[in-house]
PDB file of N, CA and C in Angstrom:
ATOM      1  N   MET A   1     -15.278 -10.678  -6.124  1.00  0.00           N
ATOM      2  CA  MET A   1     -14.642 -11.218  -5.039  1.00  0.00           C
ATOM      3  C   MET A   1     -13.247 -11.331  -5.592  1.00  0.00           C
ATOM      4  N   ARG A   2     -12.304 -11.041  -4.550  1.00  0.00           N
ATOM      5  CA  ARG A   2     -10.836 -10.840  -4.660  1.00  0.00           C
ATOM      6  C   ARG A   2     -10.614 -11.878  -3.269  1.00  0.00           C
ATOM      7  N   GLN A   3      -9.357 -12.547  -3.879  1.00  0.00           N
ATOM      8  CA  GLN A   3      -8.879 -13.525  -2.702  1.00  0.00           C
ATOM      9  C   GLN A   3      -7.250 -13.456  -2.428  1.00  0.00           C
ATOM     10  N   PHE A   4      -7.023 -13.159  -1.190  1.00  0.00           N
ATOM     11  CA  PHE A   4      -5.770 -13.048  -0.843  1.00  0.00           C
ATOM     12  C   PHE A   4      -4.728 -14.033  -0.223  1.00  0.00           C
ATOM     13  N   LEU A   5      -3.474 -14.319  -0.736  1.00  0.00           N
ATOM     14  CA  LEU A   5      -2.639 -15.087  -0.049  1.00  0.00           C
ATOM     15  C   LEU A   5      -1.770 -14.590   0.905  1.00  0.00           C
ATOM     16  N   PHE A   6      -1.950 -15.410   1.874  1.00  0.00           N
ATOM     17  CA  PHE A   6      -0.979 -14.807   2.990  1.00  0.00           C
ATOM     18  C   PHE A   6      -0.262 -15.950   3.803  1.00  0.00           C
ATOM     19  N   MET A   7       0.883 -15.830   4.294  1.00  0.00           N
ATOM     20  CA  MET A   7       1.538 -16.609   5.207  1.00  0.00           C
ATOM     21  C   MET A   7       1.686 -16.173   6.741  1.00  0.00           C
ATOM     22  N   VAL A   8       1.579 -17.060   7.537  1.00  0.00           N
ATOM     23  CA  VAL A   8       1.953 -16.546   8.942  1.00  0.00           C
ATOM     24  C   VAL A   8       3.389 -17.426   9.386  1.00  0.00           C
ATOM     25  N   MET A   9       4.276 -16.122   9.663  1.00  0.00           N
ATOM     26  CA  MET A   9       5.666 -16.841   9.950  1.00  0.00           C
ATOM     27  C   MET A   9       5.870 -16.488  11.555  1.00  0.00           C
ATOM     28  N   GLY A  10       5.845 -17.132  12.530  1.00  0.00           N
ATOM     29  CA  GLY A  10       5.915 -16.799  13.852  1.00  0.00           C
ATOM     30  C   GLY A  10       4.917 -15.529  14.139  1.00  0.00           C
ATOM     31  N   ASP A  11       5.382 -14.536  14.113  1.00  0.00           N
ATOM     32  CA  ASP A  11       4.263 -12.979  14.725  1.00  0.00           C
ATOM     33  C   ASP A  11       4.005 -12.385  13.552  1.00  0.00           C
ATOM     34  N   ARG A  12       4.730 -12.538  12.377  1.00  0.00           N
ATOM     35  CA  ARG A  12       4.317 -12.056  11.137  1.00  0.00           C
ATOM     36  C   ARG A  12       3.540 -12.769   9.923  1.00  0.00           C
ATOM     37  N   ALA A  13       2.700 -11.488   9.371  1.00  0.00           N
ATOM     38  CA  ALA A  13       1.669 -12.030   8.247  1.00  0.00           C
ATOM     39  C   ALA A  13       2.296 -11.430   7.443  1.00  0.00           C
ATOM     40  N   MET A  14       2.301 -12.781   6.089  1.00  0.00           N
ATOM     41  CA  MET A  14       3.480 -11.919   4.890  1.00  0.00           C
ATOM     42  C   MET A  14       2.167 -12.081   3.419  1.00  0.00           C
ATOM     43  N   PHE A  15       2.110 -11.266   2.819  1.00  0.00           N
ATOM     44  CA  PHE A  15       1.180 -11.309   1.709  1.00  0.00           C
ATOM     45  C   PHE A  15       2.058 -11.045   0.519  1.00  0.00           C
ATOM     46  N   PRO A  16       2.493 -12.281   0.066  1.00  0.00           N
ATOM     47  CA  PRO A  16       3.299 -12.077  -1.339  1.00  0.00           C
ATOM     48  C   PRO A  16       3.135 -11.511  -2.388  1.00  0.00           C
ATOM     49  N   MET A  17       1.666 -11.721  -2.601  1.00  0.00           N
ATOM     50  CA  MET A  17       1.093 -11.233  -3.853  1.00  0.00           C
ATOM     51  C   MET A  17       0.655  -9.568  -3.432  1.00  0.00           C
ATOM     52  N   GLY A  18       0.944  -9.148  -2.449  1.00  0.00           N
ATOM     53  CA  GLY A  18       0.411  -7.823  -2.078  1.00  0.00           C
ATOM     54  C   GLY A  18      -0.914  -7.542  -1.755  1.00  0.00           C
ATOM     55  N   ILE A  19      -1.295  -6.557  -1.330  1.00  0.00           N
ATOM     56  CA  ILE A  19      -2.618  -5.834  -1.034  1.00  0.00           C
ATOM     57  C   ILE A  19      -3.051  -4.666  -1.727  1.00  0.00           C
ATOM     58  N   VAL A  20      -4.076  -4.747  -2.695  1.00  0.00           N
ATOM     59  CA  VAL A  20      -4.429  -3.376  -3.584  1.00  0.00           C
ATOM     60  C   VAL A  20      -5.273  -2.652  -2.810  1.00  0.00           C
ATOM     61  N   PHE A  21      -4.845  -1.338  -2.628  1.00  0.00           N
ATOM     62  CA  PHE A  21      -5.942  -0.383  -2.216  1.00  0.00           C
ATOM     63  C   PHE A  21      -6.107   0.655  -3.259  1.00  0.00           C
ATOM     64  N   PRO A  22      -7.067   0.491  -3.817  1.00  0.00           N
ATOM     65  CA  PRO A  22      -7.514   1.572  -4.903  1.00  0.00           C
ATOM     66  C   PRO A  22      -7.895   2.913  -4.521  1.00  0.00           C
ATOM     67  N   LEU A  23      -6.729   3.537  -4.043  1.00  0.00           N
ATOM     68  CA  LEU A  23      -6.929   4.879  -3.533  1.00  0.00           C
ATOM     69  C   LEU A  23      -6.128   5.999  -4.316  1.00  0.00           C
ATOM     70  N   SER A  24      -6.494   7.183  -4.274  1.00  0.00           N
ATOM     71  CA  SER A  24      -5.718   8.305  -4.934  1.00  0.00           C
ATOM     72  C   SER A  24      -4.553   8.868  -4.171  1.00  0.00           C
ATOM     73  N   PRO A  25      -3.422   8.930  -4.714  1.00  0.00           N
ATOM     74  CA  PRO A  25      -2.274   9.283  -4.392  1.00  0.00           C
ATOM     75  C   PRO A  25      -2.190  10.773  -3.910  1.00  0.00           C
ATOM     76  N   THR A  26      -3.112  11.411  -4.496  1.00  0.00           N
ATOM     77  CA  THR A  26      -3.202  12.750  -4.152  1.00  0.00           C
ATOM     78  C   THR A  26      -4.292  13.546  -3.006  1.00  0.00           C
ATOM     79  N   GLU A  27      -5.209  12.480  -3.064  1.00  0.00           N
ATOM     80  CA  GLU A  27      -6.285  13.005  -2.068  1.00  0.00           C
ATOM     81  C   GLU A  27      -5.953  12.392  -0.613  1.00  0.00           C
ATOM     82  N   LEU A  28      -5.776  13.557   0.380  1.00  0.00           N
ATOM     83  CA  LEU A  28      -5.562  13.575   1.740  1.00  0.00           C
ATOM     84  C   LEU A  28      -6.424  12.350   2.524  1.00  0.00           C
ATOM     85  N   ALA A  29      -7.945  12.095   1.857  1.00  0.00           N
ATOM     86  CA  ALA A  29      -8.472  11.228   2.636  1.00  0.00           C
ATOM     87  C   ALA A  29      -7.976   9.731   2.276  1.00  0.00           C
ATOM     88  N   SER A  30      -7.161   9.764   1.114  1.00  0.00           N
ATOM     89  CA  SER A  30      -6.549   8.286   1.148  1.00  0.00           C
ATOM     90  C   SER A  30      -5.449   7.944   2.184  1.00  0.00           C
ATOM     91  N   PHE A  31      -4.792   8.994   2.710  1.00  0.00           N
ATOM     92  CA  PHE A  31      -3.727   8.499   3.510  1.00  0.00           C
ATOM     93  C   PHE A  31      -4.202   8.622   4.849  1.00  0.00           C
ATOM     94  N   ASP A  32      -5.568   9.331   5.170  1.00  0.00           N
ATOM     95  CA  ASP A  32      -6.071   8.885   6.434  1.00  0.00           C
ATOM     96  C   ASP A  32      -6.922   7.823   6.431  1.00  0.00           C
ATOM     97  N   PHE A  33      -7.062   7.327   5.559  1.00  0.00           N
ATOM     98  CA  PHE A  33      -7.429   5.696   5.677  1.00  0.00           C
ATOM     99  C   PHE A  33      -6.834   4.807   5.840  1.00  0.00           C
ATOM    100  N   LEU A  34      -5.195   4.771   4.871  1.00  0.00           N
ATOM    101  CA  LEU A  34      -4.270   4.032   5.402  1.00  0.00           C
ATOM    102  C   LEU A  34      -3.971   4.202   6.730  1.00  0.00           C
ATOM    103  N   ARG A  35      -3.859   5.618   7.409  1.00  0.00           N
ATOM    104  CA  ARG A  35      -3.358   5.630   8.746  1.00  0.00           C
ATOM    105  C   ARG A  35      -4.393   4.937   9.567  1.00  0.00           C
ATOM    106  N   ARG A  36      -5.618   4.824   9.500  1.00  0.00           N
ATOM    107  CA  ARG A  36      -6.891   4.205  10.208  1.00  0.00           C
ATOM    108  C   ARG A  36      -6.701   2.488   9.712  1.00  0.00           C
ATOM    109  N   PHE A  37      -6.260   2.343   8.686  1.00  0.00           N
ATOM    110  CA  PHE A  37      -6.107   0.676   8.379  1.00  0.00           C
ATOM    111  C   PHE A  37      -4.801   0.119   9.012  1.00  0.00           C
ATOM    112  N   SER A  38      -4.072   0.923   8.860  1.00  0.00           N
ATOM    113  CA  SER A  38      -2.392   0.367   9.628  1.00  0.00           C
ATOM    114  C   SER A  38      -2.537   0.232  11.149  1.00  0.00           C
ATOM    115  N   THR A  39      -3.145   1.384  11.258  1.00  0.00           N
ATOM    116  CA  THR A  39      -3.320   1.292  12.782  1.00  0.00           C
ATOM    117  C   THR A  39      -4.158  -0.066  13.457  1.00  0.00           C
ATOM    118  N   ASP A  40      -5.275  -0.354  12.815  1.00  0.00           N
ATOM    119  CA  ASP A  40      -5.872  -1.196  13.285  1.00  0.00           C
ATOM    120  C   ASP A  40      -5.919  -2.809  12.883  1.00  0.00           C
ATOM    121  N   ALA A  41      -5.029  -2.672  11.774  1.00  0.00           N
ATOM    122  CA  ALA A  41      -4.372  -4.302  11.285  1.00  0.00           C
ATOM    123  C   ALA A  41      -3.832  -4.984  12.270  1.00  0.00           C
ATOM    124  N   PRO A  42      -4.036  -6.257  12.009  1.00  0.00           N
ATOM    125  CA  PRO A  42      -3.509  -7.307  12.913  1.00  0.00           C
ATOM    126  C   PRO A  42      -2.197  -7.453  12.509  1.00  0.00           C
ATOM    127  N   PHE A  43      -1.549  -6.806  11.721  1.00  0.00           N
ATOM    128  CA  PHE A  43       0.023  -7.117  11.184  1.00  0.00           C
ATOM    129  C   PHE A  43       0.641  -5.465  11.073  1.00  0.00           C
ATOM    130  N   GLU A  44       1.932  -5.573  11.015  1.00  0.00           N
ATOM    131  CA  GLU A  44       2.418  -4.182  11.227  1.00  0.00           C
ATOM    132  C   GLU A  44       2.870  -3.863   9.417  1.00  0.00           C
ATOM    133  N   MET A  45       2.287  -2.796   9.087  1.00  0.00           N
ATOM    134  CA  MET A  45       2.763  -2.114   7.884  1.00  0.00           C
ATOM    135  C   MET A  45       3.691  -1.364   7.604  1.00  0.00           C
ATOM    136  N   SER A  46       4.765  -1.364   6.690  1.00  0.00           N
ATOM    137  CA  SER A  46       6.013  -0.575   6.456  1.00  0.00           C
ATOM    138  C   SER A  46       5.588   0.189   5.171  1.00  0.00           C
ATOM    139  N   ALA A  47       5.655   1.735   5.277  1.00  0.00           N
ATOM    140  CA  ALA A  47       5.699   2.555   4.024  1.00  0.00           C
ATOM    141  C   ALA A  47       6.732   1.988   2.803  1.00  0.00           C
ATOM    142  N   LYS A  48       7.983   1.506   3.380  1.00  0.00           N
ATOM    143  CA  LYS A  48       8.802   1.171   2.197  1.00  0.00           C
ATOM    144  C   LYS A  48       8.570  -0.298   1.223  1.00  0.00           C
ATOM    145  N   HIS A  49       7.281  -0.667   1.559  1.00  0.00           N
ATOM    146  CA  HIS A  49       6.713  -1.704   0.545  1.00  0.00           C
ATOM    147  C   HIS A  49       5.884  -1.304  -0.107  1.00  0.00           C
ATOM    148  N   PHE A  50       5.422  -0.156  -0.070  1.00  0.00           N
ATOM    149  CA  PHE A  50       4.189   0.098  -0.958  1.00  0.00           C
ATOM    150  C   PHE A  50       4.695   0.461  -2.501  1.00  0.00           C
ATOM    151  N   GLN A  51       3.928  -0.132  -3.381  1.00  0.00           N
ATOM    152  CA  GLN A  51       3.975   0.458  -4.707  1.00  0.00           C
ATOM    153  C   GLN A  51       2.591   1.004  -5.038  1.00  0.00           C
ATOM    154  N   ILE A  52       3.140   1.988  -6.301  1.00  0.00           N
ATOM    155  CA  ILE A  52       2.117   2.465  -7.013  1.00  0.00           C
ATOM    156  C   ILE A  52       1.541   2.218  -8.433  1.00  0.00           C
ATOM    157  N   GLY A  53       0.228   1.742  -8.825  1.00  0.00           N
ATOM    158  CA  GLY A  53       0.143   1.031  -9.657  1.00  0.00           C
ATOM    159  C   GLY A  53      -0.292   2.464 -11.021  1.00  0.00           C
ATOM    160  N   VAL A  54       0.350   2.388 -11.843  1.00  0.00           N
ATOM    161  CA  VAL A  54       0.604   3.225 -12.859  1.00  0.00           C
ATOM    162  C   VAL A  54       0.007   2.873 -14.098  1.00  0.00           C
ATOM    163  N   ILE A  55      -1.070   3.756 -14.973  1.00  0.00           N
ATOM    164  CA  ILE A  55      -1.230   3.496 -16.233  1.00  0.00           C
ATOM    165  C   ILE A  55      -0.761   4.156 -17.198  1.00  0.00           C
ATOM    166  N   GLY A  56      -0.190   3.566 -18.304  1.00  0.00           N
ATOM    167  CA  GLY A  56       0.730   4.454 -19.138  1.00  0.00           C
ATOM    168  C   GLY A  56      -0.313   4.863 -20.448  1.00  0.00           C
ATOM    169  N   LYS A  57       0.034   5.640 -21.225  1.00  0.00           N
ATOM    170  CA  LYS A  57      -0.741   6.291 -22.210  1.00  0.00           C
ATOM    171  C   LYS A  57      -1.083   5.363 -23.445  1.00  0.00           C
ATOM    172  N   SER A  58      -0.518   4.287 -23.536  1.00  0.00           N
ATOM    173  CA  SER A  58      -0.828   3.280 -24.343  1.00  0.00           C
ATOM    174  C   SER A  58      -1.848   2.037 -23.610  1.00  0.00           C
ATOM    175  N   GLY A  59      -2.023   2.451 -22.301  1.00  0.00           N
ATOM    176  CA  GLY A  59      -2.965   1.467 -21.386  1.00  0.00           C
ATOM    177  C   GLY A  59      -2.518   0.480 -20.835  1.00  0.00           C
ATOM    178  N   SER A  60      -1.220   0.477 -20.914  1.00  0.00           N
ATOM    179  CA  SER A  60      -0.221  -0.633 -20.112  1.00  0.00           C
ATOM    180  C   SER A  60      -0.398  -0.367 -18.720  1.00  0.00           C
ATOM    181  N   PHE A  61      -0.174  -1.303 -17.672  1.00  0.00           N
ATOM    182  CA  PHE A  61      -0.077  -1.160 -16.308  1.00  0.00           C
ATOM    183  C   PHE A  61       0.879  -1.402 -15.904  1.00  0.00           C
ATOM    184  N   ALA A  62       1.622  -0.650 -14.852  1.00  0.00           N
ATOM    185  CA  ALA A  62       2.761  -1.324 -14.387  1.00  0.00           C
ATOM    186  C   ALA A  62       2.839  -0.566 -12.786  1.00  0.00           C
ATOM    187  N   TRP A  63       3.620  -1.352 -12.168  1.00  0.00           N
ATOM    188  CA  TRP A  63       3.809  -1.095 -10.555  1.00  0.00           C
ATOM    189  C   TRP A  63       5.382  -0.386 -10.372  1.00  0.00           C
ATOM    190  N   ARG A  64       5.260   0.924  -9.848  1.00  0.00           N
ATOM    191  CA  ARG A  64       6.420   1.748  -9.573  1.00  0.00           C
ATOM    192  C   ARG A  64       6.419   1.911  -7.983  1.00  0.00           C
ATOM    193  N   LYS A  65       7.698   2.263  -7.593  1.00  0.00           N
ATOM    194  CA  LYS A  65       7.793   2.771  -6.440  1.00  0.00           C
ATOM    195  C   LYS A  65       7.463   4.143  -6.454  1.00  0.00           C
ATOM    196  N   PRO A  66       6.821   4.854  -5.253  1.00  0.00           N
ATOM    197  CA  PRO A  66       6.182   5.740  -5.348  1.00  0.00           C
ATOM    198  C   PRO A  66       7.486   6.925  -5.451  1.00  0.00           C
ATOM    199  N   ASP A  67       6.767   8.165  -5.914  1.00  0.00           N
ATOM    200  CA  ASP A  67       8.070   9.259  -6.009  1.00  0.00           C
ATOM    201  C   ASP A  67       8.363   9.572  -4.399  1.00  0.00           C
ATOM    202  N   ALA A  68       9.399  10.564  -4.511  1.00  0.00           N
ATOM    203  CA  ALA A  68       9.671  11.410  -2.808  1.00  0.00           C
ATOM    204  C   ALA A  68       8.388  12.120  -2.496  1.00  0.00           C
ATOM    205  N   GLU A  69       7.627  12.605  -2.993  1.00  0.00           N
ATOM    206  CA  GLU A  69       6.349  13.418  -2.219  1.00  0.00           C
ATOM    207  C   GLU A  69       5.580  12.279  -1.500  1.00  0.00           C
ATOM    208  N   ILE A  70       5.064  11.263  -2.665  1.00  0.00           N
ATOM    209  CA  ILE A  70       4.372  10.188  -1.997  1.00  0.00           C
ATOM    210  C   ILE A  70       4.970   9.482  -0.916  1.00  0.00           C
ATOM    211  N   ALA A  71       6.108   9.003  -1.108  1.00  0.00           N
ATOM    212  CA  ALA A  71       7.043   8.351  -0.219  1.00  0.00           C
ATOM    213  C   ALA A  71       6.885   8.818   1.062  1.00  0.00           C
ATOM    214  N   GLU A  72       7.291  10.105   1.061  1.00  0.00           N
ATOM    215  CA  GLU A  72       6.929  11.086   2.470  1.00  0.00           C
ATOM    216  C   GLU A  72       5.599  11.024   3.246  1.00  0.00           C
ATOM    217  N   ARG A  73       4.662  11.296   2.385  1.00  0.00           N
ATOM    218  CA  ARG A  73       3.350  10.972   2.988  1.00  0.00           C
ATOM    219  C   ARG A  73       2.987   9.500   3.272  1.00  0.00           C
ATOM    220  N   LEU A  74       3.475   8.619   2.577  1.00  0.00           N
ATOM    221  CA  LEU A  74       3.226   7.037   3.012  1.00  0.00           C
ATOM    222  C   LEU A  74       4.074   6.983   4.541  1.00  0.00           C
ATOM    223  N   GLU A  75       5.169   7.758   4.996  1.00  0.00           N
ATOM    224  CA  GLU A  75       6.005   7.527   6.003  1.00  0.00           C
ATOM    225  C   GLU A  75       5.464   8.056   6.981  1.00  0.00           C
ATOM    226  N   GLU A  76       4.743   9.193   6.923  1.00  0.00           N
ATOM    227  CA  GLU A  76       4.017  10.026   7.623  1.00  0.00           C
ATOM    228  C   GLU A  76       2.711   9.260   8.176  1.00  0.00           C
ATOM    229  N   PHE A  77       1.895   8.786   7.445  1.00  0.00           N
ATOM    230  CA  PHE A  77       0.615   8.101   7.744  1.00  0.00           C
ATOM    231  C   PHE A  77       0.806   6.885   7.978  1.00  0.00           C
ATOM    232  N   VAL A  78       1.649   6.193   7.608  1.00  0.00           N
ATOM    233  CA  VAL A  78       1.869   4.502   7.750  1.00  0.00           C
ATOM    234  C   VAL A  78       2.817   4.173   8.659  1.00  0.00           C
ATOM    235  N   GLY A  79       4.214   5.060   8.628  1.00  0.00           N
ATOM    236  CA  GLY A  79       5.167   4.757   9.327  1.00  0.00           C
ATOM    237  C   GLY A  79       6.037   3.624   9.119  1.00  0.00           C
TER     238      GLY A  79
END
């Protein structure tokens, strides 16, 4: 079970801890899912706020900004 913290400020919902989508950054179906989710979500999503979780060679985990190709796809599908 996963819990999400969010705040409502006026007509905006904010997720300070973020929402994690366990999706492949290379599969088209992942971006189709994000398009459907963002269209139906009761809040506005922006591609500029996305981060990609990366597992390093040592097994450590870090959040990174999407590279140019992924950022372009996010902008196309999420807007």
